[in-house]
Amino acid sequence: MKKNMGTVDIVVRILIAILFIILFATKIVTGAFGIILLVLAVAFVFTSIFRFCPLYLPFKINTGKKE
């Protein structure tokens, strides 16, 4: 698995994940939409941890440093 995410991309994803979790925890967003946001938050955290986004592959996007 080749890394394809840069630092800025990771920070933005983590911040968005935190926002989604806060919105759900404070019950601003509930129901099915809230669950969808939680699933997205988990996906953002995992892609940030591994520095790899599978959706970037078909589009040949790489926000990381060139090796």
C-alpha atoms as a PDB file:
ATOM      1  CA  MET A   1       0.000   0.000   0.000  1.00  0.00           C
ATOM      2  CA  LYS A   2       1.673   3.162  -1.191  1.00  0.00           C
ATOM      3  CA  LYS A   3       1.045   6.302   0.851  1.00  0.00           C
ATOM      4  CA  ASN A   4      -0.941   8.887  -1.090  1.00  0.00           C
ATOM      5  CA  MET A   5      -1.965  11.434   1.552  1.00  0.00           C
ATOM      6  CA  GLY A   6      -0.095  14.498   2.723  1.00  0.00           C
ATOM      7  CA  THR A   7      -0.035  16.152   6.130  1.00  0.00           C
ATOM      8  CA  VAL A   8      -2.598  18.830   5.278  1.00  0.00           C
ATOM      9  CA  ASP A   9      -4.985  16.191   3.940  1.00  0.00           C
ATOM     10  CA  ILE A  10      -4.624  14.162   7.133  1.00  0.00           C
ATOM     11  CA  VAL A  11      -5.188  17.151   9.423  1.00  0.00           C
ATOM     12  CA  VAL A  12      -8.300  18.213   7.500  1.00  0.00           C
ATOM     13  CA  ARG A  13      -9.725  14.678   7.646  1.00  0.00           C
ATOM     14  CA  ILE A  14      -9.099  14.399  11.394  1.00  0.00           C
ATOM     15  CA  LEU A  15     -10.737  17.786  12.035  1.00  0.00           C
ATOM     16  CA  ILE A  16     -13.774  16.830   9.956  1.00  0.00           C
ATOM     17  CA  ALA A  17     -14.011  13.488  11.796  1.00  0.00           C
ATOM     18  CA  ILE A  18     -13.934  15.315  15.146  1.00  0.00           C
ATOM     19  CA  LEU A  19     -16.650  17.694  13.930  1.00  0.00           C
ATOM     20  CA  PHE A  20     -18.862  14.784  12.825  1.00  0.00           C
ATOM     21  CA  ILE A  21     -18.417  13.033  16.170  1.00  0.00           C
ATOM     22  CA  ILE A  22     -19.243  16.220  18.093  1.00  0.00           C
ATOM     23  CA  LEU A  23     -22.362  16.816  15.975  1.00  0.00           C
ATOM     24  CA  PHE A  24     -23.571  13.292  16.727  1.00  0.00           C
ATOM     25  CA  ALA A  25     -22.618  13.341  20.417  1.00  0.00           C
ATOM     26  CA  THR A  26     -24.435  16.640  21.049  1.00  0.00           C
ATOM     27  CA  LYS A  27     -27.483  15.305  19.158  1.00  0.00           C
ATOM     28  CA  ILE A  28     -27.405  18.117  16.626  1.00  0.00           C
ATOM     29  CA  VAL A  29     -27.451  15.398  13.973  1.00  0.00           C
ATOM     30  CA  THR A  30     -29.412  12.219  14.728  1.00  0.00           C
ATOM     31  CA  GLY A  31     -30.938   9.245  13.013  1.00  0.00           C
ATOM     32  CA  ALA A  32     -29.669   7.724   9.791  1.00  0.00           C
ATOM     33  CA  PHE A  33     -27.773  10.868   8.802  1.00  0.00           C
ATOM     34  CA  GLY A  34     -25.962  10.851  12.142  1.00  0.00           C
ATOM     35  CA  ILE A  35     -24.930   7.228  11.665  1.00  0.00           C
ATOM     36  CA  ILE A  36     -23.678   8.019   8.161  1.00  0.00           C
ATOM     37  CA  LEU A  37     -21.560  10.844   9.600  1.00  0.00           C
ATOM     38  CA  LEU A  38     -20.111   8.470  12.215  1.00  0.00           C
ATOM     39  CA  VAL A  39     -19.198   5.934   9.536  1.00  0.00           C
ATOM     40  CA  LEU A  40     -17.516   8.703   7.525  1.00  0.00           C
ATOM     41  CA  ALA A  41     -15.670   9.861  10.640  1.00  0.00           C
ATOM     42  CA  VAL A  42     -14.312   6.341  11.201  1.00  0.00           C
ATOM     43  CA  ALA A  43     -13.283   6.094   7.540  1.00  0.00           C
ATOM     44  CA  PHE A  44     -11.510   9.471   7.742  1.00  0.00           C
ATOM     45  CA  VAL A  45      -9.615   8.408  10.865  1.00  0.00           C
ATOM     46  CA  PHE A  46      -8.528   5.057   9.381  1.00  0.00           C
ATOM     47  CA  THR A  47      -7.409   6.603   6.090  1.00  0.00           C
ATOM     48  CA  SER A  48      -5.475   9.209   8.056  1.00  0.00           C
ATOM     49  CA  ILE A  49      -3.755   6.600  10.223  1.00  0.00           C
ATOM     50  CA  PHE A  50      -2.621   4.567   7.213  1.00  0.00           C
ATOM     51  CA  ARG A  51      -1.974   7.657   5.040  1.00  0.00           C
ATOM     52  CA  PHE A  52      -3.755   5.878   2.211  1.00  0.00           C
ATOM     53  CA  CYS A  53      -7.050   6.728   0.517  1.00  0.00           C
ATOM     54  CA  PRO A  54      -8.356   4.056  -1.861  1.00  0.00           C
ATOM     55  CA  LEU A  55     -10.586   6.597  -3.628  1.00  0.00           C
ATOM     56  CA  TYR A  56      -7.471   8.477  -4.762  1.00  0.00           C
ATOM     57  CA  LEU A  57      -6.180   5.481  -6.773  1.00  0.00           C
ATOM     58  CA  PRO A  58      -8.523   5.601  -9.808  1.00  0.00           C
ATOM     59  CA  PHE A  59      -7.948   9.348 -10.141  1.00  0.00           C
ATOM     60  CA  LYS A  60      -4.169   9.080  -9.547  1.00  0.00           C
ATOM     61  CA  ILE A  61      -4.345  11.718  -6.799  1.00  0.00           C
ATOM     62  CA  ASN A  62      -1.382  12.038  -4.443  1.00  0.00           C
ATOM     63  CA  THR A  63      -1.398  14.822  -1.844  1.00  0.00           C
ATOM     64  CA  GLY A  64       1.822  13.605  -0.234  1.00  0.00           C
ATOM     65  CA  LYS A  65       5.407  14.414  -1.013  1.00  0.00           C
ATOM     66  CA  LYS A  66       6.901  13.015  -4.196  1.00  0.00           C
ATOM     67  CA  GLU A  67       9.343  10.197  -3.469  1.00  0.00           C
END
